PDB file of N, CA and C in Angstrom:
ATOM      1  N   UNK A   1     -12.312  10.409  -5.040  1.00  0.00           N
ATOM      2  CA  UNK A   1     -11.030  11.214  -5.285  1.00  0.00           C
ATOM      3  C   UNK A   1     -10.405  10.140  -6.267  1.00  0.00           C
ATOM      4  N   UNK A   2      -9.507  10.681  -7.028  1.00  0.00           N
ATOM      5  CA  UNK A   2      -8.901   9.624  -7.995  1.00  0.00           C
ATOM      6  C   UNK A   2      -7.416   9.731  -7.815  1.00  0.00           C
ATOM      7  N   UNK A   3      -7.449   8.131  -7.453  1.00  0.00           N
ATOM      8  CA  UNK A   3      -5.708   7.980  -6.840  1.00  0.00           C
ATOM      9  C   UNK A   3      -4.652   8.372  -7.688  1.00  0.00           C
ATOM     10  N   UNK A   4      -4.829   8.155  -9.052  1.00  0.00           N
ATOM     11  CA  UNK A   4      -3.625   8.812 -10.028  1.00  0.00           C
ATOM     12  C   UNK A   4      -2.986  10.170  -9.349  1.00  0.00           C
ATOM     13  N   UNK A   5      -4.245  11.042  -9.677  1.00  0.00           N
ATOM     14  CA  UNK A   5      -3.882  12.574  -9.027  1.00  0.00           C
ATOM     15  C   UNK A   5      -3.055  12.521  -7.769  1.00  0.00           C
ATOM     16  N   UNK A   6      -4.018  11.762  -6.655  1.00  0.00           N
ATOM     17  CA  UNK A   6      -3.862  11.965  -5.054  1.00  0.00           C
ATOM     18  C   UNK A   6      -2.138  11.495  -4.880  1.00  0.00           C
ATOM     19  N   UNK A   7      -1.535  10.345  -5.759  1.00  0.00           N
ATOM     20  CA  UNK A   7      -0.665   9.734  -5.974  1.00  0.00           C
ATOM     21  C   UNK A   7       0.766  10.508  -6.106  1.00  0.00           C
ATOM     22  N   UNK A   8       0.508  11.492  -6.874  1.00  0.00           N
ATOM     23  CA  UNK A   8       1.357  12.465  -7.393  1.00  0.00           C
ATOM     24  C   UNK A   8       1.639  13.489  -6.781  1.00  0.00           C
ATOM     25  N   UNK A   9       0.894  13.755  -5.523  1.00  0.00           N
ATOM     26  CA  UNK A   9       0.899  14.888  -4.871  1.00  0.00           C
ATOM     27  C   UNK A   9       2.054  14.717  -3.591  1.00  0.00           C
ATOM     28  N   UNK A  10       2.713  15.890  -3.096  1.00  0.00           N
ATOM     29  CA  UNK A  10       3.681  15.996  -2.429  1.00  0.00           C
ATOM     30  C   UNK A  10       3.190  15.203  -0.794  1.00  0.00           C
ATOM     31  N   UNK A  11       2.038  15.247  -0.783  1.00  0.00           N
ATOM     32  CA  UNK A  11       1.167  14.988   0.518  1.00  0.00           C
ATOM     33  C   UNK A  11       1.011  13.524   0.450  1.00  0.00           C
ATOM     34  N   UNK A  12       1.025  12.527  -0.478  1.00  0.00           N
ATOM     35  CA  UNK A  12       1.139  11.705  -0.715  1.00  0.00           C
ATOM     36  C   UNK A  12       2.598  11.009  -0.198  1.00  0.00           C
ATOM     37  N   UNK A  13       3.279  11.651  -0.658  1.00  0.00           N
ATOM     38  CA  UNK A  13       4.777  10.922  -0.770  1.00  0.00           C
ATOM     39  C   UNK A  13       5.095  11.547   0.978  1.00  0.00           C
ATOM     40  N   UNK A  14       4.554  12.408   1.543  1.00  0.00           N
ATOM     41  CA  UNK A  14       4.936  12.342   2.936  1.00  0.00           C
ATOM     42  C   UNK A  14       3.983  11.517   4.068  1.00  0.00           C
ATOM     43  N   UNK A  15       3.249  10.256   3.244  1.00  0.00           N
ATOM     44  CA  UNK A  15       2.325   9.575   4.584  1.00  0.00           C
ATOM     45  C   UNK A  15       3.303   9.122   4.961  1.00  0.00           C
ATOM     46  N   UNK A  16       3.049   8.294   6.215  1.00  0.00           N
ATOM     47  CA  UNK A  16       3.882   7.308   6.646  1.00  0.00           C
ATOM     48  C   UNK A  16       3.416   6.007   6.276  1.00  0.00           C
ATOM     49  N   UNK A  17       3.932   4.652   6.875  1.00  0.00           N
ATOM     50  CA  UNK A  17       3.765   3.216   6.129  1.00  0.00           C
ATOM     51  C   UNK A  17       2.534   2.681   6.303  1.00  0.00           C
ATOM     52  N   UNK A  18       1.927   3.209   7.553  1.00  0.00           N
ATOM     53  CA  UNK A  18       0.831   2.698   7.865  1.00  0.00           C
ATOM     54  C   UNK A  18      -0.519   3.332   6.862  1.00  0.00           C
ATOM     55  N   UNK A  19      -0.579   4.899   6.959  1.00  0.00           N
ATOM     56  CA  UNK A  19      -1.327   5.310   6.230  1.00  0.00           C
ATOM     57  C   UNK A  19      -1.472   4.735   4.600  1.00  0.00           C
ATOM     58  N   UNK A  20      -0.061   4.851   4.048  1.00  0.00           N
ATOM     59  CA  UNK A  20       0.077   4.148   2.625  1.00  0.00           C
ATOM     60  C   UNK A  20      -0.521   3.039   2.907  1.00  0.00           C
ATOM     61  N   UNK A  21      -0.316   1.662   3.464  1.00  0.00           N
ATOM     62  CA  UNK A  21      -0.843   0.550   3.797  1.00  0.00           C
ATOM     63  C   UNK A  21      -2.424   0.522   3.691  1.00  0.00           C
ATOM     64  N   UNK A  22      -2.747   1.416   4.261  1.00  0.00           N
ATOM     65  CA  UNK A  22      -4.341   1.635   4.536  1.00  0.00           C
ATOM     66  C   UNK A  22      -4.825   2.107   3.318  1.00  0.00           C
ATOM     67  N   UNK A  23      -4.497   3.015   2.673  1.00  0.00           N
ATOM     68  CA  UNK A  23      -4.908   3.459   1.265  1.00  0.00           C
ATOM     69  C   UNK A  23      -4.661   2.342   0.578  1.00  0.00           C
ATOM     70  N   UNK A  24      -3.583   1.785   0.272  1.00  0.00           N
ATOM     71  CA  UNK A  24      -3.600   1.158  -0.880  1.00  0.00           C
ATOM     72  C   UNK A  24      -4.085  -0.412  -0.617  1.00  0.00           C
ATOM     73  N   UNK A  25      -5.056  -0.521   0.407  1.00  0.00           N
ATOM     74  CA  UNK A  25      -5.290  -1.787   1.165  1.00  0.00           C
ATOM     75  C   UNK A  25      -7.002  -1.697   0.670  1.00  0.00           C
ATOM     76  N   UNK A  26      -7.466  -0.489   0.060  1.00  0.00           N
ATOM     77  CA  UNK A  26      -8.590  -0.260   0.029  1.00  0.00           C
ATOM     78  C   UNK A  26      -9.398  -0.995  -1.118  1.00  0.00           C
ATOM     79  N   UNK A  27     -10.518  -1.904  -0.720  1.00  0.00           N
ATOM     80  CA  UNK A  27     -11.328  -2.682  -2.037  1.00  0.00           C
ATOM     81  C   UNK A  27     -11.676  -1.643  -3.015  1.00  0.00           C
ATOM     82  N   UNK A  28     -12.389  -0.572  -2.578  1.00  0.00           N
ATOM     83  CA  UNK A  28     -12.546   0.191  -3.513  1.00  0.00           C
ATOM     84  C   UNK A  28     -12.000   1.521  -4.260  1.00  0.00           C
ATOM     85  N   UNK A  29     -10.484   1.014  -4.126  1.00  0.00           N
ATOM     86  CA  UNK A  29      -9.741   2.104  -4.208  1.00  0.00           C
ATOM     87  C   UNK A  29      -9.922   2.521  -6.117  1.00  0.00           C
ATOM     88  N   UNK A  30      -9.833   3.842  -6.454  1.00  0.00           N
ATOM     89  CA  UNK A  30     -10.168   4.171  -7.767  1.00  0.00           C
ATOM     90  C   UNK A  30      -8.942   3.921  -8.457  1.00  0.00           C
ATOM     91  N   UNK A  31      -8.728   2.871  -9.330  1.00  0.00           N
ATOM     92  CA  UNK A  31      -7.589   3.002 -10.094  1.00  0.00           C
ATOM     93  C   UNK A  31      -7.970   2.130 -11.124  1.00  0.00           C
ATOM     94  N   UNK A  32      -7.367   2.494 -12.490  1.00  0.00           N
ATOM     95  CA  UNK A  32      -7.829   1.564 -13.385  1.00  0.00           C
ATOM     96  C   UNK A  32      -6.977   0.466 -13.724  1.00  0.00           C
ATOM     97  N   UNK A  33      -5.502   0.490 -13.385  1.00  0.00           N
ATOM     98  CA  UNK A  33      -4.752  -0.714 -13.379  1.00  0.00           C
ATOM     99  C   UNK A  33      -4.060  -0.492 -12.194  1.00  0.00           C
ATOM    100  N   UNK A  34      -3.586  -1.740 -11.865  1.00  0.00           N
ATOM    101  CA  UNK A  34      -3.082  -2.294 -10.666  1.00  0.00           C
ATOM    102  C   UNK A  34      -1.668  -1.689 -10.473  1.00  0.00           C
ATOM    103  N   UNK A  35      -1.008  -1.359 -11.731  1.00  0.00           N
ATOM    104  CA  UNK A  35       0.092  -0.992 -11.902  1.00  0.00           C
ATOM    105  C   UNK A  35       0.178   0.566 -11.518  1.00  0.00           C
ATOM    106  N   UNK A  36      -0.524   1.440 -11.733  1.00  0.00           N
ATOM    107  CA  UNK A  36      -0.863   2.523 -11.410  1.00  0.00           C
ATOM    108  C   UNK A  36      -0.307   2.629  -9.630  1.00  0.00           C
ATOM    109  N   UNK A  37      -0.833   1.730  -9.100  1.00  0.00           N
ATOM    110  CA  UNK A  37      -0.481   1.597  -7.660  1.00  0.00           C
ATOM    111  C   UNK A  37       0.786   0.976  -7.220  1.00  0.00           C
ATOM    112  N   UNK A  38       1.369   0.290  -8.058  1.00  0.00           N
ATOM    113  CA  UNK A  38       2.584  -0.457  -8.337  1.00  0.00           C
ATOM    114  C   UNK A  38       3.747   1.242  -8.291  1.00  0.00           C
ATOM    115  N   UNK A  39       3.656   1.850  -9.556  1.00  0.00           N
ATOM    116  CA  UNK A  39       4.157   3.185  -9.434  1.00  0.00           C
ATOM    117  C   UNK A  39       3.921   4.273  -8.468  1.00  0.00           C
ATOM    118  N   UNK A  40       2.786   4.307  -7.780  1.00  0.00           N
ATOM    119  CA  UNK A  40       2.676   4.954  -6.736  1.00  0.00           C
ATOM    120  C   UNK A  40       3.787   4.598  -5.386  1.00  0.00           C
ATOM    121  N   UNK A  41       3.413   3.396  -5.318  1.00  0.00           N
ATOM    122  CA  UNK A  41       4.471   2.740  -4.076  1.00  0.00           C
ATOM    123  C   UNK A  41       5.898   2.971  -4.470  1.00  0.00           C
ATOM    124  N   UNK A  42       6.432   2.783  -5.702  1.00  0.00           N
ATOM    125  CA  UNK A  42       7.890   3.252  -5.962  1.00  0.00           C
ATOM    126  C   UNK A  42       8.077   4.773  -5.706  1.00  0.00           C
ATOM    127  N   UNK A  43       7.211   5.347  -6.407  1.00  0.00           N
ATOM    128  CA  UNK A  43       7.503   6.859  -5.989  1.00  0.00           C
ATOM    129  C   UNK A  43       7.734   6.994  -4.719  1.00  0.00           C
ATOM    130  N   UNK A  44       6.636   6.342  -3.454  1.00  0.00           N
ATOM    131  CA  UNK A  44       6.707   6.996  -1.895  1.00  0.00           C
ATOM    132  C   UNK A  44       8.050   6.085  -2.069  1.00  0.00           C
ATOM    133  N   UNK A  45       8.268   4.991  -1.834  1.00  0.00           N
ATOM    134  CA  UNK A  45       9.625   4.630  -1.237  1.00  0.00           C
ATOM    135  C   UNK A  45      10.984   5.505  -1.943  1.00  0.00           C
ATOM    136  N   UNK A  46      10.703   5.675  -3.313  1.00  0.00           N
ATOM    137  CA  UNK A  46      11.933   6.443  -3.789  1.00  0.00           C
ATOM    138  C   UNK A  46      12.002   8.105  -3.149  1.00  0.00           C
ATOM    139  N   UNK A  47      10.902   8.407  -2.229  1.00  0.00           N
ATOM    140  CA  UNK A  47      10.747   9.796  -1.702  1.00  0.00           C
ATOM    141  C   UNK A  47      11.739   9.984  -0.723  1.00  0.00           C
ATOM    142  N   UNK A  48      12.432   8.876  -0.249  1.00  0.00           N
ATOM    143  CA  UNK A  48      13.093   8.488   0.874  1.00  0.00           C
ATOM    144  C   UNK A  48      13.446   7.220   1.228  1.00  0.00           C
ATOM    145  N   UNK A  49      14.385   6.613  -0.129  1.00  0.00           N
ATOM    146  CA  UNK A  49      14.944   5.273  -0.040  1.00  0.00           C
ATOM    147  C   UNK A  49      15.387   4.664   0.973  1.00  0.00           C
ATOM    148  N   UNK A  50      16.109   5.412   2.122  1.00  0.00           N
ATOM    149  CA  UNK A  50      17.099   4.614   2.790  1.00  0.00           C
ATOM    150  C   UNK A  50      16.101   4.422   4.283  1.00  0.00           C
ATOM    151  N   UNK A  51      15.256   5.287   4.433  1.00  0.00           N
ATOM    152  CA  UNK A  51      13.965   5.293   5.149  1.00  0.00           C
ATOM    153  C   UNK A  51      12.977   3.991   5.062  1.00  0.00           C
ATOM    154  N   UNK A  52      12.327   4.128   3.708  1.00  0.00           N
ATOM    155  CA  UNK A  52      11.394   3.283   3.163  1.00  0.00           C
ATOM    156  C   UNK A  52      11.672   1.937   2.770  1.00  0.00           C
ATOM    157  N   UNK A  53      12.938   2.050   2.008  1.00  0.00           N
ATOM    158  CA  UNK A  53      13.040   0.420   1.748  1.00  0.00           C
ATOM    159  C   UNK A  53      12.511  -0.607   2.545  1.00  0.00           C
ATOM    160  N   UNK A  54      13.073  -0.758   3.586  1.00  0.00           N
ATOM    161  CA  UNK A  54      12.879  -1.952   4.557  1.00  0.00           C
ATOM    162  C   UNK A  54      11.510  -1.812   4.644  1.00  0.00           C
ATOM    163  N   UNK A  55      10.430  -1.232   4.129  1.00  0.00           N
ATOM    164  CA  UNK A  55       9.040  -1.286   4.382  1.00  0.00           C
ATOM    165  C   UNK A  55       8.215  -2.119   2.946  1.00  0.00           C
ATOM    166  N   UNK A  56       9.142  -2.072   2.095  1.00  0.00           N
ATOM    167  CA  UNK A  56       8.813  -2.709   0.918  1.00  0.00           C
ATOM    168  C   UNK A  56       7.845  -4.051   1.071  1.00  0.00           C
ATOM    169  N   UNK A  57       8.618  -4.906   1.804  1.00  0.00           N
ATOM    170  CA  UNK A  57       7.868  -6.371   2.117  1.00  0.00           C
ATOM    171  C   UNK A  57       6.959  -6.446   2.530  1.00  0.00           C
ATOM    172  N   UNK A  58       6.565  -5.390   3.284  1.00  0.00           N
ATOM    173  CA  UNK A  58       5.071  -5.039   4.250  1.00  0.00           C
ATOM    174  C   UNK A  58       4.203  -4.584   3.137  1.00  0.00           C
ATOM    175  N   UNK A  59       4.442  -3.697   1.977  1.00  0.00           N
ATOM    176  CA  UNK A  59       3.660  -3.247   1.597  1.00  0.00           C
ATOM    177  C   UNK A  59       3.545  -4.074   0.302  1.00  0.00           C
ATOM    178  N   UNK A  60       4.269  -4.537  -0.195  1.00  0.00           N
ATOM    179  CA  UNK A  60       3.772  -5.103  -1.558  1.00  0.00           C
ATOM    180  C   UNK A  60       2.531  -6.461  -1.552  1.00  0.00           C
ATOM    181  N   UNK A  61       2.696  -7.209  -0.332  1.00  0.00           N
ATOM    182  CA  UNK A  61       1.062  -8.055  -0.442  1.00  0.00           C
ATOM    183  C   UNK A  61      -0.128  -7.039  -0.580  1.00  0.00           C
ATOM    184  N   UNK A  62      -0.077  -5.639  -0.500  1.00  0.00           N
ATOM    185  CA  UNK A  62      -1.272  -5.207  -0.612  1.00  0.00           C
ATOM    186  C   UNK A  62      -1.461  -4.605  -2.212  1.00  0.00           C
ATOM    187  N   UNK A  63      -0.663  -4.930  -3.275  1.00  0.00           N
ATOM    188  CA  UNK A  63      -0.876  -4.845  -4.494  1.00  0.00           C
ATOM    189  C   UNK A  63      -1.730  -6.339  -5.274  1.00  0.00           C
ATOM    190  N   UNK A  64      -2.560  -6.159  -5.975  1.00  0.00           N
ATOM    191  CA  UNK A  64      -3.163  -7.201  -5.965  1.00  0.00           C
ATOM    192  C   UNK A  64      -2.630  -7.717  -7.513  1.00  0.00           C
ATOM    193  N   UNK A  65      -1.777  -8.534  -7.331  1.00  0.00           N
ATOM    194  CA  UNK A  65      -0.970  -9.134  -8.348  1.00  0.00           C
ATOM    195  C   UNK A  65      -1.593 -10.013  -9.152  1.00  0.00           C
ATOM    196  N   UNK A  66      -2.911 -10.239  -8.740  1.00  0.00           N
ATOM    197  CA  UNK A  66      -4.220 -11.336  -9.633  1.00  0.00           C
ATOM    198  C   UNK A  66      -4.656 -10.398 -10.995  1.00  0.00           C
ATOM    199  N   UNK A  67      -4.555  -8.851 -10.759  1.00  0.00           N
ATOM    200  CA  UNK A  67      -5.198  -8.082 -11.531  1.00  0.00           C
ATOM    201  C   UNK A  67      -3.908  -7.575 -12.767  1.00  0.00           C
ATOM    202  N   UNK A  68      -2.572  -7.720 -12.557  1.00  0.00           N
ATOM    203  CA  UNK A  68      -1.349  -7.729 -13.363  1.00  0.00           C
ATOM    204  C   UNK A  68      -1.034  -8.647 -14.432  1.00  0.00           C
ATOM    205  N   UNK A  69      -0.799  -8.419 -15.595  1.00  0.00           N
ATOM    206  CA  UNK A  69      -0.082  -9.189 -16.358  1.00  0.00           C
ATOM    207  C   UNK A  69       1.001 -10.225 -16.119  1.00  0.00           C
ATOM    208  N   UNK A  70       1.430 -11.132 -16.390  1.00  0.00           N
ATOM    209  CA  UNK A  70       2.662 -11.978 -16.144  1.00  0.00           C
ATOM    210  C   UNK A  70       4.006 -10.940 -16.362  1.00  0.00           C
ATOM    211  N   UNK A  71       3.945  -9.961 -17.746  1.00  0.00           N
ATOM    212  CA  UNK A  71       4.529  -9.174 -18.151  1.00  0.00           C
ATOM    213  C   UNK A  71       4.744  -7.864 -16.858  1.00  0.00           C
ATOM    214  N   UNK A  72       4.150  -7.430 -16.309  1.00  0.00           N
ATOM    215  CA  UNK A  72       3.802  -6.622 -15.284  1.00  0.00           C
ATOM    216  C   UNK A  72       4.849  -7.169 -13.930  1.00  0.00           C
ATOM    217  N   UNK A  73       4.035  -8.341 -14.055  1.00  0.00           N
ATOM    218  CA  UNK A  73       4.744  -9.056 -12.565  1.00  0.00           C
ATOM    219  C   UNK A  73       6.538  -9.218 -12.790  1.00  0.00           C
ATOM    220  N   UNK A  74       6.843  -9.732 -13.830  1.00  0.00           N
ATOM    221  CA  UNK A  74       8.145  -9.450 -14.265  1.00  0.00           C
ATOM    222  C   UNK A  74       8.950  -8.420 -14.208  1.00  0.00           C
ATOM    223  N   UNK A  75       8.323  -7.486 -14.520  1.00  0.00           N
ATOM    224  CA  UNK A  75       9.033  -6.106 -14.502  1.00  0.00           C
ATOM    225  C   UNK A  75       9.137  -6.081 -13.021  1.00  0.00           C
ATOM    226  N   UNK A  76       8.412  -6.015 -12.426  1.00  0.00           N
ATOM    227  CA  UNK A  76       8.010  -5.550 -11.086  1.00  0.00           C
ATOM    228  C   UNK A  76       9.517  -6.422 -10.422  1.00  0.00           C
ATOM    229  N   UNK A  77       9.350  -7.563 -10.624  1.00  0.00           N
ATOM    230  CA  UNK A  77      10.672  -8.240 -10.118  1.00  0.00           C
ATOM    231  C   UNK A  77      12.290  -7.951 -10.725  1.00  0.00           C
ATOM    232  N   UNK A  78      11.962  -7.071 -11.697  1.00  0.00           N
ATOM    233  CA  UNK A  78      13.450  -6.858 -12.073  1.00  0.00           C
ATOM    234  C   UNK A  78      13.730  -5.158 -11.755  1.00  0.00           C
ATOM    235  N   UNK A  79      12.621  -4.726 -11.158  1.00  0.00           N
ATOM    236  CA  UNK A  79      12.744  -3.637 -10.693  1.00  0.00           C
ATOM    237  C   UNK A  79      14.331  -3.460  -9.557  1.00  0.00           C
ATOM    238  N   UNK A  80      14.918  -2.312  -9.564  1.00  0.00           N
ATOM    239  CA  UNK A  80      15.898  -2.277  -8.902  1.00  0.00           C
ATOM    240  C   UNK A  80      15.585  -2.230  -7.595  1.00  0.00           C
ATOM    241  N   UNK A  81      14.356  -1.586  -6.788  1.00  0.00           N
ATOM    242  CA  UNK A  81      13.828  -1.730  -5.595  1.00  0.00           C
ATOM    243  C   UNK A  81      13.826  -3.134  -5.295  1.00  0.00           C
ATOM    244  N   UNK A  82      13.160  -4.074  -6.062  1.00  0.00           N
ATOM    245  CA  UNK A  82      12.734  -5.091  -5.568  1.00  0.00           C
ATOM    246  C   UNK A  82      14.454  -6.188  -5.741  1.00  0.00           C
ATOM    247  N   UNK A  83      14.693  -5.766  -6.739  1.00  0.00           N
ATOM    248  CA  UNK A  83      16.013  -6.775  -7.199  1.00  0.00           C
ATOM    249  C   UNK A  83      17.058  -6.277  -5.666  1.00  0.00           C
ATOM    250  N   UNK A  84      17.186  -5.479  -5.082  1.00  0.00           N
ATOM    251  CA  UNK A  84      17.936  -5.286  -4.318  1.00  0.00           C
ATOM    252  C   UNK A  84      17.961  -5.470  -2.804  1.00  0.00           C
ATOM    253  N   UNK A  85      16.239  -6.146  -2.626  1.00  0.00           N
ATOM    254  CA  UNK A  85      15.576  -6.779  -1.421  1.00  0.00           C
ATOM    255  C   UNK A  85      15.238  -7.809  -1.783  1.00  0.00           C
ATOM    256  N   UNK A  86      15.683  -8.952  -1.093  1.00  0.00           N
ATOM    257  CA  UNK A  86      15.445 -10.499  -1.145  1.00  0.00           C
ATOM    258  C   UNK A  86      14.105 -10.467  -0.913  1.00  0.00           C
ATOM    259  N   UNK A  87      13.767 -10.117   0.150  1.00  0.00           N
ATOM    260  CA  UNK A  87      12.432  -9.804   0.722  1.00  0.00           C
ATOM    261  C   UNK A  87      11.330  -9.679  -0.026  1.00  0.00           C
ATOM    262  N   UNK A  88      11.457  -8.566  -0.726  1.00  0.00           N
ATOM    263  CA  UNK A  88      10.462  -7.871  -1.714  1.00  0.00           C
ATOM    264  C   UNK A  88      10.042  -8.830  -2.548  1.00  0.00           C
ATOM    265  N   UNK A  89      11.292  -9.141  -3.285  1.00  0.00           N
ATOM    266  CA  UNK A  89      11.057 -10.353  -4.336  1.00  0.00           C
ATOM    267  C   UNK A  89      10.275 -11.415  -3.687  1.00  0.00           C
ATOM    268  N   UNK A  90      11.013 -12.508  -2.671  1.00  0.00           N
ATOM    269  CA  UNK A  90      10.295 -13.388  -2.511  1.00  0.00           C
ATOM    270  C   UNK A  90       8.708 -13.417  -2.102  1.00  0.00           C
ATOM    271  N   UNK A  91       8.492 -11.810  -1.543  1.00  0.00           N
ATOM    272  CA  UNK A  91       6.979 -11.767  -1.537  1.00  0.00           C
ATOM    273  C   UNK A  91       6.102 -11.830  -2.763  1.00  0.00           C
ATOM    274  N   UNK A  92       6.577 -10.909  -3.450  1.00  0.00           N
ATOM    275  CA  UNK A  92       5.753 -11.337  -4.844  1.00  0.00           C
ATOM    276  C   UNK A  92       5.800 -12.456  -5.423  1.00  0.00           C
ATOM    277  N   UNK A  93       6.867 -13.275  -5.489  1.00  0.00           N
ATOM    278  CA  UNK A  93       6.682 -14.604  -6.175  1.00  0.00           C
ATOM    279  C   UNK A  93       5.437 -15.499  -4.617  1.00  0.00           C
ATOM    280  N   UNK A  94       5.557 -15.180  -3.621  1.00  0.00           N
ATOM    281  CA  UNK A  94       4.484 -15.882  -2.777  1.00  0.00           C
ATOM    282  C   UNK A  94       3.154 -15.764  -3.329  1.00  0.00           C
ATOM    283  N   UNK A  95       3.041 -14.326  -3.506  1.00  0.00           N
ATOM    284  CA  UNK A  95       1.878 -13.957  -3.370  1.00  0.00           C
ATOM    285  C   UNK A  95       0.849 -14.424  -4.749  1.00  0.00           C
ATOM    286  N   UNK A  96       2.236 -14.585  -5.852  1.00  0.00           N
ATOM    287  CA  UNK A  96       1.944 -14.832  -7.175  1.00  0.00           C
ATOM    288  C   UNK A  96       1.341 -16.249  -7.239  1.00  0.00           C
ATOM    289  N   UNK A  97       2.416 -17.207  -6.530  1.00  0.00           N
ATOM    290  CA  UNK A  97       2.075 -18.498  -6.672  1.00  0.00           C
ATOM    291  C   UNK A  97       0.777 -18.873  -5.626  1.00  0.00           C
ATOM    292  N   UNK A  98       0.525 -18.207  -4.689  1.00  0.00           N
ATOM    293  CA  UNK A  98      -0.575 -18.555  -3.978  1.00  0.00           C
ATOM    294  C   UNK A  98      -2.048 -18.380  -4.558  1.00  0.00           C
ATOM    295  N   UNK A  99      -1.944 -17.101  -5.287  1.00  0.00           N
ATOM    296  CA  UNK A  99      -2.857 -16.543  -6.060  1.00  0.00           C
ATOM    297  C   UNK A  99      -3.706 -15.962  -5.135  1.00  0.00           C
ATOM    298  N   UNK A 100      -3.553 -15.581  -3.866  1.00  0.00           N
ATOM    299  CA  UNK A 100      -4.417 -15.076  -3.026  1.00  0.00           C
ATOM    300  C   UNK A 100      -4.897 -13.671  -2.878  1.00  0.00           C
ATOM    301  N   UNK A 101      -4.543 -12.904  -4.010  1.00  0.00           N
ATOM    302  CA  UNK A 101      -4.742 -11.400  -3.844  1.00  0.00           C
ATOM    303  C   UNK A 101      -6.235 -11.107  -4.391  1.00  0.00           C
ATOM    304  N   UNK A 102      -7.143 -10.175  -3.724  1.00  0.00           N
ATOM    305  CA  UNK A 102      -8.003  -9.732  -3.956  1.00  0.00           C
ATOM    306  C   UNK A 102      -8.437  -9.031  -5.221  1.00  0.00           C
ATOM    307  N   UNK A 103      -9.647  -8.811  -5.388  1.00  0.00           N
ATOM    308  CA  UNK A 103     -10.094  -7.776  -6.628  1.00  0.00           C
ATOM    309  C   UNK A 103     -10.620  -6.511  -6.064  1.00  0.00           C
ATOM    310  N   UNK A 104     -10.690  -5.474  -6.797  1.00  0.00           N
ATOM    311  CA  UNK A 104     -11.012  -4.150  -6.656  1.00  0.00           C
ATOM    312  C   UNK A 104     -11.956  -4.105  -7.134  1.00  0.00           C
ATOM    313  N   UNK A 105     -12.818  -3.316  -6.139  1.00  0.00           N
ATOM    314  CA  UNK A 105     -14.235  -2.751  -7.102  1.00  0.00           C
ATOM    315  C   UNK A 105     -14.731  -1.617  -7.263  1.00  0.00           C
ATOM    316  N   UNK A 106     -13.100  -0.510  -7.059  1.00  0.00           N
ATOM    317  CA  UNK A 106     -13.088   0.865  -7.650  1.00  0.00           C
ATOM    318  C   UNK A 106     -13.656   1.148  -9.042  1.00  0.00           C
TER     319      UNK A 106
END
């Protein structure tokens, strides 16, 4: 199924953090651009920000930052959800510096 369509549904926003992490970790996830995944994570967090914001730092490592442009990464670091959470911005910086993200085959 097309991740873009699925991630726009109410059911997607109802996933718990473990279900979300499992889905976005799939190597064969059908996304044209990794920014689609970022936007889906933002929608998921904003659906219940108070409860979900604390999970950002554990979710972010599953985004393949090596598939993003430096401009995309910079925009993520400037996003209010990341700027308000030092742990999230540190996760992004660490992943980018290490360059340990995997590729997608979907």
